Amino acid sequence: MMELIDIQKRYGARVALGIPALTIQPGERLALIGPNGSGKSTLLRLLAGVIAPDAGTVQAGNMPRGEIGYLPQQPYAFDLSVLKNVELALAGEPERTKRAQEALERVGLLHLCKARANRLSGGEMQRMALARVLARPRKLLLLDEPTASADIAAIERIERAIEHYIEQTGCTLVFSSHAPSQAIRLSSRVLVLDGGKIGEVGETAQVLQSPKAESTRAFLKSWKL
């Protein structure tokens, strides 16, 4: 279980995130939605341990960093082949080439395994970075808009890969998305962020179909449900 208590994160004078309390249960699938700049990426970075809060605590039950898989909104690549980039997540692990190839196959990139990673398109780079995260078992999967640069076929492939990974590992999933249909397909609970604060949180269907907060209703008007 993860708990956020009295969290505050500032960027200069601006409060990017202010969360009095949030609990994420083991095995939960939580979607983060909200306008651009509402704090989704900041929350994911806090959960990943990439940044620290300016106030408050993030309690992760002593979860080792290696058991957290984090896909940032802007993925990175080393000047190596696609396969070698994924193998880096498996350093010291048995059968790392086979496992890296399996991860690339799941995201539809095995045919590019020998290509230089820094020559991939934005969508391909994103899928390679996801394969790197999915190459090993994790207890917590944090994905920042995992299909933002993908076409329809790639979105379906990515979502199947995420579903398969969760079925195999039983991990907790927290992801941000601008696609309501994706939130419906992948999440059991939705957290709506508004100006760095929790506007509403609840079961996915309830929040998306019958939101209680006025800010949530206003935001969802821009979504095609």
Protein backbone atom coordinates (compact mmCIF):
# COMPACT_ATOMS: atom_id res chain seq x y z
CA MET A 1 0.00 0.00 0.00
CA MET A 2 1.14 3.53 -0.77
CA GLU A 3 0.05 6.56 1.19
CA LEU A 4 0.51 10.25 0.53
CA ILE A 5 0.09 12.44 3.60
CA ASP A 6 -0.09 16.26 3.54
CA ILE A 7 1.85 16.41 0.27
CA GLN A 8 2.90 19.72 -1.20
CA LYS A 9 5.19 20.30 -4.16
CA ARG A 10 6.15 23.76 -5.40
CA TYR A 11 7.89 25.01 -8.51
CA GLY A 12 8.99 28.47 -7.50
CA ALA A 13 6.00 30.28 -6.06
CA ARG A 14 3.51 27.98 -7.77
CA VAL A 15 2.01 25.06 -5.85
CA ALA A 16 2.09 22.27 -8.42
CA LEU A 17 0.57 19.65 -6.14
CA GLY A 18 -1.29 19.74 -2.84
CA ILE A 19 -2.74 16.45 -1.62
CA PRO A 20 -3.90 16.11 2.02
CA ALA A 21 -4.30 12.33 1.78
CA LEU A 22 -4.30 9.59 -0.85
CA THR A 23 -4.10 5.81 -0.45
CA ILE A 24 -3.29 3.43 -3.30
CA GLN A 25 -4.08 -0.19 -2.55
CA PRO A 26 -1.96 -3.14 -3.76
CA GLY A 27 -3.19 -4.41 -7.11
CA GLU A 28 -5.24 -1.29 -7.77
CA ARG A 29 -5.48 0.30 -11.21
CA LEU A 30 -5.63 4.07 -10.80
CA ALA A 31 -6.03 6.51 -13.71
CA LEU A 32 -4.97 10.13 -13.30
CA ILE A 33 -6.91 12.58 -15.43
CA GLY A 34 -7.20 16.34 -15.58
CA PRO A 35 -6.21 19.35 -17.69
CA ASN A 36 -2.64 20.00 -18.77
CA GLY A 37 -0.64 21.34 -15.83
CA SER A 38 -3.01 19.86 -13.25
CA GLY A 39 -0.25 17.87 -11.52
CA LYS A 40 -0.49 14.42 -13.09
CA SER A 41 3.18 14.14 -14.06
CA THR A 42 4.29 15.67 -10.76
CA LEU A 43 2.29 13.07 -8.83
CA LEU A 44 3.78 10.22 -10.85
CA ARG A 45 7.30 11.57 -10.33
CA LEU A 46 6.69 11.78 -6.58
CA LEU A 47 5.43 8.19 -6.50
CA ALA A 48 8.47 7.08 -8.50
CA GLY A 49 10.86 8.83 -6.12
CA VAL A 50 12.26 10.97 -8.94
CA ILE A 51 11.44 14.12 -6.98
CA ALA A 52 10.77 14.72 -3.29
CA PRO A 53 7.85 16.67 -1.85
CA ASP A 54 8.50 20.05 -0.27
CA ALA A 55 6.20 19.02 2.56
CA GLY A 56 4.49 15.82 3.63
CA THR A 57 5.44 12.18 3.21
CA VAL A 58 5.13 9.43 0.62
CA GLN A 59 4.94 6.05 2.33
CA ALA A 60 5.64 3.10 0.04
CA GLY A 61 5.94 0.31 2.58
CA ASN A 62 9.72 0.07 2.14
CA MET A 63 9.30 -0.87 -1.52
CA PRO A 64 12.75 -1.14 -3.15
CA ARG A 65 13.35 1.26 -6.04
CA GLY A 66 13.93 -1.72 -8.35
CA GLU A 67 10.35 -2.86 -7.82
CA ILE A 68 8.99 0.40 -9.21
CA GLY A 69 8.69 0.72 -12.99
CA TYR A 70 8.37 4.32 -14.19
CA LEU A 71 7.72 5.50 -17.74
CA PRO A 72 8.18 9.29 -18.01
CA GLN A 73 6.25 11.41 -20.47
CA GLN A 74 9.47 12.11 -22.37
CA PRO A 75 11.25 8.74 -22.72
CA TYR A 76 15.01 8.53 -23.06
CA ALA A 77 17.33 6.27 -25.02
CA PHE A 78 20.99 5.37 -24.85
CA ASP A 79 23.09 5.42 -28.04
CA LEU A 80 22.77 1.67 -28.40
CA SER A 81 20.54 -0.74 -30.28
CA VAL A 82 16.90 -1.05 -29.31
CA LEU A 83 17.58 -4.50 -27.88
CA LYS A 84 20.55 -3.31 -25.82
CA ASN A 85 18.46 -0.45 -24.43
CA VAL A 86 15.90 -2.91 -23.10
CA GLU A 87 18.58 -5.31 -21.84
CA LEU A 88 19.90 -2.53 -19.59
CA ALA A 89 16.86 -3.04 -17.37
CA LEU A 90 17.91 -6.66 -16.93
CA ALA A 91 21.56 -6.21 -15.95
CA GLY A 92 22.71 -9.23 -13.99
CA GLU A 93 19.50 -11.13 -14.74
CA PRO A 94 19.40 -14.59 -16.37
CA GLU A 95 18.28 -14.91 -20.00
CA ARG A 96 18.23 -11.16 -20.39
CA THR A 97 18.37 -11.20 -24.21
CA LYS A 98 15.41 -13.57 -24.43
CA ARG A 99 13.41 -11.55 -21.92
CA ALA A 100 14.23 -8.28 -23.68
CA GLN A 101 13.11 -9.76 -26.99
CA GLU A 102 9.85 -10.94 -25.42
CA ALA A 103 9.18 -7.45 -24.05
CA LEU A 104 9.85 -5.92 -27.47
CA GLU A 105 7.56 -8.45 -29.11
CA ARG A 106 4.73 -7.52 -26.75
CA VAL A 107 4.94 -3.85 -27.74
CA GLY A 108 5.42 -4.63 -31.44
CA LEU A 109 9.05 -3.57 -31.80
CA LEU A 110 10.95 -6.84 -32.14
CA HIS A 111 11.53 -6.18 -35.85
CA LEU A 112 13.52 -3.07 -34.86
CA CYS A 113 15.66 -4.76 -32.20
CA LYS A 114 18.91 -4.11 -34.12
CA ALA A 115 18.08 -0.50 -35.00
CA ARG A 116 19.78 2.39 -33.22
CA ALA A 117 17.45 3.60 -30.50
CA ASN A 118 18.18 7.27 -31.12
CA ARG A 119 16.83 6.94 -34.67
CA LEU A 120 13.37 5.77 -33.65
CA SER A 121 10.28 7.89 -34.13
CA GLY A 122 8.63 9.41 -31.07
CA GLY A 123 6.03 6.66 -30.91
CA GLU A 124 8.63 3.92 -31.36
CA MET A 125 10.82 5.48 -28.69
CA GLN A 126 7.89 5.46 -26.29
CA ARG A 127 7.20 1.78 -26.96
CA MET A 128 10.86 0.88 -26.51
CA ALA A 129 10.90 2.68 -23.17
CA LEU A 130 7.76 0.82 -22.15
CA ALA A 131 9.37 -2.50 -23.12
CA ARG A 132 12.31 -1.59 -20.89
CA VAL A 133 9.90 -1.10 -17.97
CA LEU A 134 7.95 -4.30 -18.73
CA ALA A 135 11.03 -6.48 -19.16
CA ARG A 136 11.18 -7.36 -15.46
CA PRO A 137 8.57 -7.96 -12.72
CA ARG A 138 7.64 -4.92 -10.64
CA LYS A 139 5.24 -4.30 -7.79
CA LEU A 140 4.33 -0.80 -8.94
CA LEU A 141 3.91 0.40 -12.53
CA LEU A 142 3.84 4.18 -13.09
CA LEU A 143 3.07 5.27 -16.65
CA ASP A 144 2.89 8.90 -17.76
CA GLU A 145 0.64 8.99 -20.85
CA PRO A 146 1.96 5.67 -22.21
CA THR A 147 0.16 6.02 -25.58
CA ALA A 148 0.50 9.77 -26.16
CA SER A 149 2.56 9.35 -29.35
CA ALA A 150 0.93 6.14 -30.61
CA ASP A 151 -1.46 5.49 -33.48
CA ILE A 152 -4.62 3.41 -33.02
CA ALA A 153 -2.96 0.07 -33.81
CA ALA A 154 -0.06 0.82 -31.48
CA ILE A 155 -2.43 1.92 -28.70
CA GLU A 156 -4.19 -1.45 -28.84
CA ARG A 157 -0.84 -3.26 -28.77
CA ILE A 158 0.41 -1.20 -25.82
CA GLU A 159 -2.76 -1.70 -23.81
CA ARG A 160 -2.63 -5.46 -24.40
CA ALA A 161 0.99 -5.48 -23.24
CA ILE A 162 0.08 -3.59 -20.06
CA GLU A 163 -2.87 -5.91 -19.37
CA HIS A 164 -0.69 -8.99 -19.91
CA TYR A 165 1.99 -7.62 -17.60
CA ILE A 166 -0.52 -6.93 -14.82
CA GLU A 167 -2.01 -10.40 -15.18
CA GLN A 168 1.47 -11.94 -14.91
CA THR A 169 2.76 -9.84 -12.02
CA GLY A 170 -0.31 -8.68 -10.08
CA CYS A 171 1.30 -5.25 -9.83
CA THR A 172 -0.32 -1.96 -8.93
CA LEU A 173 -0.88 0.39 -11.88
CA VAL A 174 -1.00 4.19 -11.76
CA PHE A 175 -1.13 5.97 -15.10
CA SER A 176 -2.06 9.32 -16.59
CA SER A 177 -4.17 9.60 -19.71
CA HIS A 178 -6.00 12.08 -21.92
CA ALA A 179 -8.14 9.29 -23.41
CA PRO A 180 -11.39 8.54 -21.54
CA SER A 181 -11.81 5.21 -23.30
CA GLN A 182 -8.36 4.20 -22.06
CA ALA A 183 -9.22 5.13 -18.48
CA ILE A 184 -12.36 2.99 -18.78
CA ARG A 185 -10.45 0.03 -20.21
CA LEU A 186 -7.43 0.03 -17.91
CA SER A 187 -8.49 1.49 -14.56
CA SER A 188 -10.72 0.53 -11.67
CA ARG A 189 -10.51 3.95 -10.04
CA VAL A 190 -10.02 7.48 -11.35
CA LEU A 191 -8.43 10.48 -9.67
CA VAL A 192 -9.26 13.85 -11.21
CA LEU A 193 -6.65 16.54 -10.59
CA ASP A 194 -7.55 20.21 -10.85
CA GLY A 195 -4.93 22.87 -10.26
CA GLY A 196 -2.73 20.44 -8.34
CA LYS A 197 -5.55 19.39 -6.03
CA ILE A 198 -7.83 16.36 -5.98
CA GLY A 199 -11.06 17.41 -7.64
CA GLU A 200 -12.68 14.01 -7.36
CA VAL A 201 -11.73 10.38 -6.85
CA GLY A 202 -13.82 7.24 -7.17
CA GLU A 203 -14.71 4.21 -9.25
CA THR A 204 -14.00 4.81 -12.92
CA ALA A 205 -17.53 4.38 -14.26
CA GLN A 206 -19.07 6.49 -11.51
CA VAL A 207 -16.66 9.40 -11.92
CA LEU A 208 -16.75 9.47 -15.72
CA GLN A 209 -20.50 8.97 -16.09
CA SER A 210 -21.87 10.73 -13.00
CA PRO A 211 -19.24 13.13 -11.62
CA LYS A 212 -20.08 14.87 -8.38
CA ALA A 213 -17.67 17.82 -8.53
CA GLU A 214 -18.44 20.81 -10.73
CA SER A 215 -14.78 21.03 -11.78
CA THR A 216 -14.91 17.40 -12.93
CA ARG A 217 -18.10 17.99 -14.91
CA ALA A 218 -16.55 21.02 -16.57
CA PHE A 219 -13.41 19.08 -17.50
CA LEU A 220 -15.30 16.06 -18.82
CA LYS A 221 -17.27 18.25 -21.22
CA SER A 222 -14.09 18.44 -23.29
CA TRP A 223 -13.87 14.65 -23.37
CA LYS A 224 -15.73 12.49 -25.86
CA LEU A 225 -16.89 9.64 -23.63
